[in-house]
Amino acid sequence: MIGVPGPEDLDVTAARLFAGLLRRAHLSRPSDLTGVVIEEARDCLGAEDVVVSLVNHEFTALVPVPSRLSPPRPPQPVDGSMAGRAFATTSTVDADAETETGAGAGPRGARRRVWVPLLDSTDRIGVLEMTLPAPGGQVGEDLLAVCERYAHLVAQTIVTKGLYGDVFERVQRTRPMTVGSELMRAMLPPLLYATDGLVVAGMLEPAYDNGGDAFDYAVNEDRVHLAVFDGVGHGLSASTVTAVALAAYRRARIEGAPLVEARAVIHEAVLSQFGGDRHVTAVLAELDLPTGRLSWVSAGHPPPLLLRGARVVKTLEAVPFFPLGWDFGGEPTVAHEQLEAGDAVLLYTDGLIEARGTDRALLGVEGLSGFLEQEAAAGQAAPETLRRMRRAVLQHQDGVLQDDATALLVEWRRGREHRLVPRTVLPG
């Protein structure tokens, strides 16, 4: 076992660690990557029992990626495990590991088990688990910083390599996905993005049988583009009409079309493809990042909710207009709202407010607002709010959704973006 590098050697060790992963990843197969991650951590850091785990699509468990170099490990629940704590809090967690004695070699010294979040930028994809030497009973802060940065590089490499094979996607699935869900998930952006003054978090449920719900966002210079779609019907037919709407939206957005023009482009695409037999409801929005001015148009869709502090202060109403694909003429009205620092806006589909409990009572806007207020008062970060929202909606419906439920939660100058990365990443 390799000992802990001294402070003067740690920079060299880190450089060797990162260079080793990058060098070997270039020509590795996706299925080889976990072994590469483990070997580099073992050889450079003296790490043992290294496990790479990815969160499943339900966001309920962290599932180990199979490797002959990893010890057997069952999936770990996000709620109630050390791995889950690291994932949910986006922070490194450690605990005592047993002191081992090699055969005839004497005690190997104190060790600690460490769980480090795997982050692609700020998007949480899993946890890197390992046992590290801990002289004096603690892992040094500098070594933890190296481990966190290594975990970030591992996460980004997994996301990139995942484009070339199915090994990581298989790990994240607990059951087969419908064709409609395959179509929608292939088009979604990452579920979490953050930068200074902005957090955008998304949720799409059910994970394996989604119909026509989708969301999209893009951050271009000082403008944040946001959209939520809900295609009529269920299954593949609903996914298909939403896919057309989403593709048309992206084309219009990339070409710089303003909101009204973008809505017209989407409408014409849906109408020409389906001849008025299919439609999509949507909210298209733009947020001016420096000023906080929010603009949006609605196409037959539930109005967003404005959360200020720990209270939902209003629904963001717009002049009602027809769904995309229904040709009744006219032009939508662009609505505006001036956000205050610390505000959050929730865009969502009607599957959230129309969720029925076992008593057949609707969750409704009041129930959804109450949940948002409860999570805000508890100081939950945006991705955790949506993870808990998913769980709450499923519990309300006894585990079975009657309709797709999608949400996009946007925080402006709320000051919580720094909570989405480990503290060793933060400046100073």
Protein backbone atom coordinates (compact mmCIF):
# COMPACT_ATOMS: atom_id res chain seq x y z
CA MET A 1 0.00 0.00 0.00
CA ILE A 2 1.27 3.44 -0.96
CA GLY A 3 1.58 5.91 1.91
CA VAL A 4 0.05 9.35 2.06
CA PRO A 5 2.06 11.82 -0.03
CA GLY A 6 3.65 14.61 1.97
CA PRO A 7 2.62 18.22 1.34
CA GLU A 8 5.63 18.81 -0.87
CA ASP A 9 4.73 15.78 -3.00
CA LEU A 10 0.96 16.29 -3.23
CA ASP A 11 1.04 18.59 -6.26
CA VAL A 12 3.17 16.06 -8.13
CA THR A 13 0.83 13.25 -7.04
CA ALA A 14 -2.24 15.19 -8.19
CA ALA A 15 -0.67 15.95 -11.56
CA ARG A 16 0.21 12.28 -12.03
CA LEU A 17 -3.30 11.24 -10.99
CA PHE A 18 -5.09 13.57 -13.41
CA ALA A 19 -2.66 12.95 -16.25
CA GLY A 20 -2.98 9.19 -15.81
CA LEU A 21 -6.77 9.26 -16.09
CA LEU A 22 -6.77 11.61 -19.07
CA ARG A 23 -4.08 9.69 -20.91
CA ARG A 24 -5.73 6.31 -20.45
CA ALA A 25 -9.27 7.55 -21.08
CA HIS A 26 -8.56 8.60 -24.66
CA LEU A 27 -8.54 5.09 -26.10
CA SER A 28 -10.50 3.29 -23.40
CA ARG A 29 -13.89 1.71 -23.93
CA PRO A 30 -16.74 2.98 -21.72
CA SER A 31 -16.73 -0.35 -19.91
CA ASP A 32 -12.99 0.03 -19.15
CA LEU A 33 -13.28 3.46 -17.53
CA THR A 34 -14.23 2.36 -14.02
CA GLY A 35 -11.18 0.12 -13.84
CA VAL A 36 -8.98 3.01 -14.99
CA VAL A 37 -10.46 5.27 -12.29
CA ILE A 38 -9.82 2.66 -9.61
CA GLU A 39 -6.27 1.85 -10.70
CA GLU A 40 -5.18 5.50 -10.85
CA ALA A 41 -6.66 6.22 -7.39
CA ARG A 42 -4.96 3.12 -5.99
CA ASP A 43 -1.56 3.77 -7.57
CA CYS A 44 -1.37 7.53 -6.93
CA LEU A 45 -3.31 7.98 -3.68
CA GLY A 46 -2.96 4.62 -2.00
CA ALA A 47 -6.76 4.29 -2.12
CA GLU A 48 -8.40 0.93 -1.44
CA ASP A 49 -11.87 -0.52 -2.03
CA VAL A 50 -12.70 2.13 -4.63
CA VAL A 51 -16.34 2.12 -5.83
CA VAL A 52 -17.91 4.29 -8.53
CA SER A 53 -21.68 4.59 -8.06
CA LEU A 54 -24.23 6.39 -10.25
CA VAL A 55 -27.63 7.66 -9.19
CA ASN A 56 -30.57 5.81 -10.73
CA HIS A 57 -33.14 7.65 -12.84
CA GLU A 58 -35.57 7.72 -9.92
CA PHE A 59 -32.98 9.52 -7.75
CA THR A 60 -33.60 7.01 -4.99
CA ALA A 61 -30.40 4.94 -4.97
CA LEU A 62 -26.72 5.04 -5.86
CA VAL A 63 -25.86 1.97 -7.93
CA PRO A 64 -22.26 0.68 -8.18
CA VAL A 65 -20.76 0.43 -11.66
CA PRO A 66 -19.56 -3.19 -11.97
CA SER A 67 -15.80 -3.73 -11.89
CA ARG A 68 -13.62 -6.68 -10.95
CA LEU A 69 -11.48 -4.19 -9.00
CA SER A 70 -14.33 -3.03 -6.73
CA PRO A 71 -15.57 -4.84 -3.63
CA PRO A 72 -19.16 -6.15 -3.77
CA ARG A 73 -21.54 -3.37 -2.89
CA PRO A 74 -25.36 -3.28 -3.08
CA PRO A 75 -27.10 -0.09 -4.21
CA GLN A 76 -27.07 2.53 -1.46
CA PRO A 77 -30.25 4.53 -0.76
CA VAL A 78 -29.98 8.28 -1.30
CA ASP A 79 -31.94 8.76 1.92
CA GLY A 80 -30.22 7.17 4.90
CA SER A 81 -26.72 6.24 3.72
CA MET A 82 -23.30 7.85 3.80
CA ALA A 83 -23.12 7.75 0.02
CA GLY A 84 -26.56 9.31 -0.19
CA ARG A 85 -25.57 12.05 2.22
CA ALA A 86 -22.58 12.98 0.05
CA PHE A 87 -24.83 13.02 -3.01
CA ALA A 88 -27.71 14.97 -1.47
CA THR A 89 -25.53 17.60 0.21
CA THR A 90 -22.91 17.81 -2.57
CA SER A 91 -20.21 17.48 0.04
CA THR A 92 -17.47 15.02 0.95
CA VAL A 93 -18.38 12.68 3.81
CA ASP A 94 -15.95 10.47 5.71
CA ALA A 95 -16.05 7.91 8.49
CA ASP A 96 -13.67 5.60 10.33
CA ALA A 97 -12.58 2.46 8.53
CA GLU A 98 -11.22 -0.55 10.34
CA THR A 99 -7.48 -0.74 10.91
CA GLU A 100 -6.22 -3.73 8.98
CA THR A 101 -3.15 -5.84 9.56
CA GLY A 102 -1.35 -7.48 6.71
CA ALA A 103 -0.14 -11.04 7.20
CA GLY A 104 3.06 -10.65 9.13
CA ALA A 105 3.38 -7.05 8.04
CA GLY A 106 2.17 -5.27 11.18
CA PRO A 107 -0.61 -2.71 11.44
CA ARG A 108 -1.28 -0.67 8.33
CA GLY A 109 -2.42 2.37 10.29
CA ALA A 110 -5.61 4.33 10.61
CA ARG A 111 -7.78 4.66 7.54
CA ARG A 112 -10.96 6.53 6.72
CA ARG A 113 -13.75 5.75 4.29
CA VAL A 114 -14.51 8.73 2.06
CA TRP A 115 -17.52 9.46 -0.16
CA VAL A 116 -17.02 12.22 -2.74
CA PRO A 117 -19.82 13.54 -5.00
CA LEU A 118 -19.38 13.01 -8.73
CA LEU A 119 -20.19 16.35 -10.37
CA ASP A 120 -20.34 17.18 -14.05
CA SER A 121 -19.99 20.94 -13.54
CA THR A 122 -22.73 21.10 -10.87
CA ASP A 123 -24.91 18.27 -12.17
CA ARG A 124 -24.89 15.39 -9.68
CA ILE A 125 -24.37 11.99 -11.30
CA GLY A 126 -23.16 9.82 -8.42
CA VAL A 127 -20.53 9.25 -5.75
CA LEU A 128 -16.90 8.08 -5.70
CA GLU A 129 -16.20 5.95 -2.62
CA MET A 130 -12.75 4.91 -1.36
CA THR A 131 -10.68 4.13 1.72
CA LEU A 132 -7.68 6.41 2.28
CA PRO A 133 -4.73 6.30 4.69
CA ALA A 134 -5.38 8.70 7.58
CA PRO A 135 -2.33 9.34 9.75
CA GLY A 136 -3.51 10.77 13.04
CA GLY A 137 -7.02 9.58 12.29
CA GLN A 138 -7.86 12.25 9.70
CA VAL A 139 -7.51 12.70 5.95
CA GLY A 140 -5.71 15.97 5.29
CA GLU A 141 -7.61 18.87 3.74
CA ASP A 142 -5.17 19.07 0.83
CA LEU A 143 -5.63 15.38 0.06
CA LEU A 144 -9.43 15.75 0.26
CA ALA A 145 -9.20 18.63 -2.21
CA VAL A 146 -7.28 16.40 -4.62
CA CYS A 147 -9.90 13.66 -4.22
CA GLU A 148 -12.73 16.11 -4.93
CA ARG A 149 -11.04 17.43 -8.05
CA TYR A 150 -10.35 13.89 -9.18
CA ALA A 151 -14.03 13.04 -8.68
CA HIS A 152 -15.00 16.02 -10.86
CA LEU A 153 -12.69 14.82 -13.62
CA VAL A 154 -14.07 11.30 -13.26
CA ALA A 155 -17.65 12.60 -13.56
CA GLN A 156 -16.92 14.62 -16.67
CA THR A 157 -15.12 11.66 -18.22
CA ILE A 158 -18.06 9.36 -17.44
CA VAL A 159 -20.50 11.78 -19.08
CA THR A 160 -18.28 12.04 -22.17
CA LYS A 161 -17.55 8.31 -22.44
CA GLY A 162 -21.20 7.52 -21.83
CA LEU A 163 -21.96 8.89 -25.29
CA TYR A 164 -20.11 5.95 -26.83
CA GLY A 165 -21.65 3.01 -24.98
CA ASP A 166 -24.46 1.83 -22.71
CA VAL A 167 -22.67 0.64 -19.58
CA PHE A 168 -23.45 3.71 -17.47
CA GLU A 169 -27.02 4.03 -18.73
CA ARG A 170 -27.69 0.39 -17.84
CA VAL A 171 -26.48 1.00 -14.30
CA GLN A 172 -28.89 3.92 -13.88
CA ARG A 173 -31.96 1.95 -14.98
CA THR A 174 -33.95 -0.30 -12.70
CA ARG A 175 -36.44 -1.35 -15.38
CA PRO A 176 -37.02 -0.99 -19.13
CA MET A 177 -37.84 2.42 -20.57
CA THR A 178 -40.66 3.00 -23.04
CA VAL A 179 -39.87 4.23 -26.53
CA GLY A 180 -41.52 7.55 -25.73
CA SER A 181 -39.32 8.00 -22.69
CA GLU A 182 -36.22 7.10 -24.70
CA LEU A 183 -37.12 9.85 -27.15
CA MET A 184 -37.70 12.48 -24.49
CA ARG A 185 -34.67 11.68 -22.35
CA ALA A 186 -32.40 11.77 -25.38
CA MET A 187 -33.45 15.38 -25.95
CA LEU A 188 -33.25 16.74 -22.40
CA PRO A 189 -30.47 19.02 -21.18
CA PRO A 190 -28.69 18.14 -17.90
CA LEU A 191 -30.96 18.22 -14.87
CA LEU A 192 -28.90 20.88 -13.09
CA TYR A 193 -26.90 23.95 -14.07
CA ALA A 194 -25.49 26.74 -11.93
CA THR A 195 -23.38 29.82 -12.39
CA ASP A 196 -22.93 33.02 -10.38
CA GLY A 197 -26.39 34.33 -9.54
CA LEU A 198 -28.29 31.50 -11.22
CA VAL A 199 -29.43 27.93 -10.55
CA VAL A 200 -31.61 25.94 -12.97
CA ALA A 201 -32.86 22.50 -11.88
CA GLY A 202 -35.18 20.17 -13.77
CA MET A 203 -37.35 17.15 -12.97
CA LEU A 204 -39.06 14.70 -15.34
CA GLU A 205 -41.31 12.00 -13.94
CA PRO A 206 -42.11 9.14 -14.43
CA ALA A 207 -38.56 8.13 -15.21
CA TYR A 208 -39.38 5.15 -17.43
CA ASP A 209 -42.82 5.84 -18.88
CA ASN A 210 -42.93 9.54 -19.66
CA GLY A 211 -45.25 10.66 -22.41
CA GLY A 212 -45.21 14.18 -23.76
CA ASP A 213 -43.57 16.25 -21.02
CA ALA A 214 -40.22 17.95 -21.55
CA PHE A 215 -38.20 20.96 -20.45
CA ASP A 216 -35.32 22.86 -21.95
CA TYR A 217 -32.98 25.71 -21.04
CA ALA A 218 -29.93 27.51 -22.36
CA VAL A 219 -27.69 30.21 -20.91
CA ASN A 220 -26.42 32.53 -23.64
CA GLU A 221 -24.35 35.51 -22.54
CA ASP A 222 -26.66 37.49 -20.23
CA ARG A 223 -29.91 35.76 -21.21
CA VAL A 224 -31.40 32.57 -19.81
CA HIS A 225 -33.87 30.75 -22.06
CA LEU A 226 -36.42 28.48 -20.36
CA ALA A 227 -39.20 26.27 -21.67
CA VAL A 228 -41.61 23.60 -20.45
CA PHE A 229 -43.75 21.51 -22.84
CA ASP A 230 -46.69 19.13 -22.42
CA GLY A 231 -47.80 17.19 -25.50
CA VAL A 232 -51.41 16.05 -25.69
CA GLY A 233 -52.05 12.39 -24.99
CA HIS A 234 -49.78 9.70 -23.65
CA GLY A 235 -47.02 7.40 -24.80
CA LEU A 236 -45.08 7.61 -28.04
CA SER A 237 -47.61 9.80 -29.86
CA ALA A 238 -47.35 12.47 -27.16
CA SER A 239 -43.56 12.19 -27.08
CA THR A 240 -43.39 12.61 -30.85
CA VAL A 241 -45.35 15.87 -30.96
CA THR A 242 -43.35 17.23 -28.03
CA ALA A 243 -40.08 16.24 -29.73
CA VAL A 244 -41.10 18.26 -32.80
CA ALA A 245 -41.97 21.25 -30.59
CA LEU A 246 -38.70 21.02 -28.68
CA ALA A 247 -36.61 20.76 -31.85
CA ALA A 248 -38.39 23.76 -33.36
CA TYR A 249 -37.89 25.73 -30.13
CA ARG A 250 -34.16 25.05 -30.17
CA ARG A 251 -33.88 26.09 -33.79
CA ALA A 252 -35.67 29.36 -33.09
CA ARG A 253 -33.67 29.99 -29.93
CA ILE A 254 -30.31 29.35 -31.56
CA GLU A 255 -31.24 31.70 -34.40
CA GLY A 256 -32.02 34.42 -31.86
CA ALA A 257 -35.79 34.60 -32.39
CA PRO A 258 -37.70 36.64 -29.76
CA LEU A 259 -40.40 34.90 -27.74
CA VAL A 260 -43.39 35.64 -29.98
CA GLU A 261 -41.49 34.62 -33.09
CA ALA A 262 -40.19 31.47 -31.39
CA ARG A 263 -43.74 30.51 -30.45
CA ALA A 264 -44.79 30.99 -34.09
CA VAL A 265 -41.94 28.77 -35.33
CA ILE A 266 -42.94 25.99 -32.92
CA HIS A 267 -46.62 26.37 -33.76
CA GLU A 268 -45.99 26.10 -37.50
CA ALA A 269 -43.78 23.04 -37.03
CA VAL A 270 -46.42 21.21 -34.97
CA LEU A 271 -49.28 22.30 -37.25
CA SER A 272 -47.53 21.33 -40.48
CA GLN A 273 -46.48 17.95 -39.10
CA PHE A 274 -49.76 16.92 -37.45
CA GLY A 275 -52.35 18.96 -39.35
CA GLY A 276 -54.16 20.22 -36.27
CA ASP A 277 -54.74 16.74 -34.82
CA ARG A 278 -52.10 17.18 -32.14
CA HIS A 279 -51.15 20.06 -29.90
CA VAL A 280 -48.65 21.01 -27.20
CA THR A 281 -49.07 23.37 -24.27
CA ALA A 282 -45.99 25.34 -23.28
CA VAL A 283 -44.43 28.19 -21.39
CA LEU A 284 -41.52 29.93 -23.11
CA ALA A 285 -39.55 32.34 -20.95
CA GLU A 286 -36.44 34.50 -20.95
CA LEU A 287 -34.62 35.87 -17.92
CA ASP A 288 -32.27 38.83 -18.22
CA LEU A 289 -29.51 37.71 -15.90
CA PRO A 290 -28.09 41.14 -14.93
CA THR A 291 -31.45 42.80 -14.19
CA GLY A 292 -33.75 39.93 -13.20
CA ARG A 293 -36.45 40.90 -15.70
CA LEU A 294 -38.47 37.80 -16.60
CA SER A 295 -40.51 37.67 -19.81
CA TRP A 296 -42.72 34.82 -20.95
CA VAL A 297 -45.51 33.68 -23.22
CA SER A 298 -47.99 30.95 -22.42
CA ALA A 299 -49.62 28.56 -24.85
CA GLY A 300 -52.48 27.01 -22.88
CA HIS A 301 -50.17 26.10 -20.01
CA PRO A 302 -50.39 26.43 -16.19
CA PRO A 303 -48.82 29.72 -15.02
CA PRO A 304 -45.45 29.64 -13.24
CA LEU A 305 -45.18 30.24 -9.49
CA LEU A 306 -43.05 33.00 -7.95
CA LEU A 307 -41.31 32.09 -4.68
CA ARG A 308 -39.99 35.03 -2.68
CA GLY A 309 -38.16 34.14 0.48
CA ALA A 310 -40.13 31.23 1.90
CA ARG A 311 -43.50 32.23 0.41
CA VAL A 312 -45.16 31.71 -2.94
CA VAL A 313 -46.27 35.28 -3.49
CA LYS A 314 -48.10 34.94 -6.81
CA THR A 315 -48.83 32.95 -9.92
CA LEU A 316 -47.29 34.53 -13.01
CA GLU A 317 -50.33 34.95 -15.19
CA ALA A 318 -50.19 35.83 -18.88
CA VAL A 319 -53.01 36.63 -21.28
CA PRO A 320 -54.35 33.16 -22.23
CA PHE A 321 -53.44 31.90 -25.70
CA PHE A 322 -54.00 28.72 -27.66
CA PRO A 323 -51.78 25.63 -27.43
CA LEU A 324 -49.16 25.11 -30.11
CA GLY A 325 -50.68 23.37 -33.12
CA TRP A 326 -54.17 24.87 -32.74
CA ASP A 327 -54.63 27.46 -35.50
CA PHE A 328 -57.14 30.08 -34.39
CA GLY A 329 -55.12 33.13 -35.44
CA GLY A 330 -53.94 36.04 -33.35
CA GLU A 331 -50.69 36.68 -31.53
CA PRO A 332 -49.78 35.98 -27.89
CA THR A 333 -49.01 38.69 -25.37
CA VAL A 334 -45.59 38.76 -23.73
CA ALA A 335 -45.88 39.05 -19.93
CA HIS A 336 -43.19 40.54 -17.70
CA GLU A 337 -42.17 40.32 -14.04
CA GLN A 338 -39.32 42.07 -12.24
CA LEU A 339 -37.63 39.56 -9.97
CA GLU A 340 -36.01 40.52 -6.69
CA ALA A 341 -32.69 39.10 -5.52
CA GLY A 342 -33.41 35.75 -3.89
CA ASP A 343 -36.51 34.97 -5.97
CA ALA A 344 -37.23 31.56 -7.47
CA VAL A 345 -39.63 30.68 -10.27
CA LEU A 346 -41.19 27.26 -10.84
CA LEU A 347 -42.35 26.29 -14.33
CA TYR A 348 -44.29 23.02 -14.32
CA THR A 349 -46.78 20.81 -16.14
CA ASP A 350 -50.30 20.10 -14.97
CA GLY A 351 -49.32 16.59 -13.83
CA LEU A 352 -48.00 18.17 -10.62
CA ILE A 353 -51.12 20.06 -9.59
CA GLU A 354 -53.50 17.38 -10.89
CA ALA A 355 -51.87 14.62 -8.88
CA ARG A 356 -54.65 12.84 -6.96
CA GLY A 357 -54.16 11.20 -3.59
CA THR A 358 -55.77 7.97 -2.48
CA ASP A 359 -58.72 10.08 -1.33
CA ARG A 360 -58.99 11.41 -4.93
CA ALA A 361 -58.19 14.93 -3.74
CA LEU A 362 -56.02 17.01 -6.06
CA LEU A 363 -52.66 18.29 -4.89
CA GLY A 364 -53.51 21.58 -6.60
CA VAL A 365 -51.62 24.86 -6.76
CA GLU A 366 -52.14 25.30 -3.02
CA GLY A 367 -50.52 21.95 -2.21
CA LEU A 368 -47.65 22.58 -4.61
CA SER A 369 -47.11 26.05 -3.15
CA GLY A 370 -47.14 24.67 0.37
CA PHE A 371 -44.47 22.13 -0.53
CA LEU A 372 -42.25 24.82 -2.10
CA GLU A 373 -42.62 27.00 0.98
CA GLN A 374 -41.74 24.11 3.29
CA GLU A 375 -38.58 23.30 1.33
CA ALA A 376 -37.57 26.97 1.11
CA ALA A 377 -37.99 27.39 4.87
CA ALA A 378 -35.76 24.34 5.37
CA GLY A 379 -33.09 25.91 3.14
CA GLN A 380 -33.07 23.09 0.60
CA ALA A 381 -31.06 23.58 -2.58
CA ALA A 382 -32.96 23.58 -5.87
CA PRO A 383 -32.04 20.02 -6.97
CA GLU A 384 -32.91 18.63 -3.56
CA THR A 385 -36.22 20.50 -3.61
CA LEU A 386 -37.14 18.79 -6.87
CA ARG A 387 -35.91 15.37 -5.71
CA ARG A 388 -38.09 15.69 -2.64
CA MET A 389 -40.95 17.02 -4.75
CA ARG A 390 -40.83 13.90 -6.87
CA ARG A 391 -41.00 11.75 -3.75
CA ALA A 392 -43.85 13.81 -2.28
CA VAL A 393 -45.92 13.65 -5.47
CA LEU A 394 -45.45 9.89 -5.70
CA GLN A 395 -46.40 9.47 -2.03
CA HIS A 396 -49.49 11.62 -2.60
CA GLN A 397 -50.55 9.20 -5.37
CA ASP A 398 -49.58 6.02 -3.53
CA GLY A 399 -46.56 5.54 -5.78
CA VAL A 400 -48.35 5.65 -9.15
CA LEU A 401 -48.60 8.80 -11.26
CA GLN A 402 -51.79 9.40 -13.23
CA ASP A 403 -49.99 11.87 -15.51
CA ASP A 404 -46.48 13.03 -16.32
CA ALA A 405 -45.07 15.58 -13.88
CA THR A 406 -42.32 17.93 -15.00
CA ALA A 407 -40.79 21.00 -13.36
CA LEU A 408 -38.08 23.57 -13.96
CA LEU A 409 -36.98 25.53 -10.88
CA VAL A 410 -34.99 28.72 -11.49
CA GLU A 411 -33.26 30.69 -8.74
CA TRP A 412 -32.00 34.23 -9.36
CA ARG A 413 -29.40 35.74 -7.05
CA ARG A 414 -30.48 33.44 -4.25
CA GLY A 415 -26.87 32.82 -3.26
CA ARG A 416 -27.18 29.04 -3.16
CA GLU A 417 -25.15 28.18 -6.23
CA HIS A 418 -22.01 27.81 -4.10
CA ARG A 419 -23.71 25.05 -2.12
CA LEU A 420 -23.75 22.89 -5.24
CA VAL A 421 -19.98 22.33 -5.21
CA PRO A 422 -17.74 21.03 -2.40
CA ARG A 423 -16.17 23.73 -0.25
CA THR A 424 -12.63 22.98 -1.44
CA VAL A 425 -13.71 24.12 -4.92
CA LEU A 426 -14.75 27.57 -3.70
CA PRO A 427 -12.24 30.42 -3.95
CA GLY A 428 -10.43 31.56 -0.81
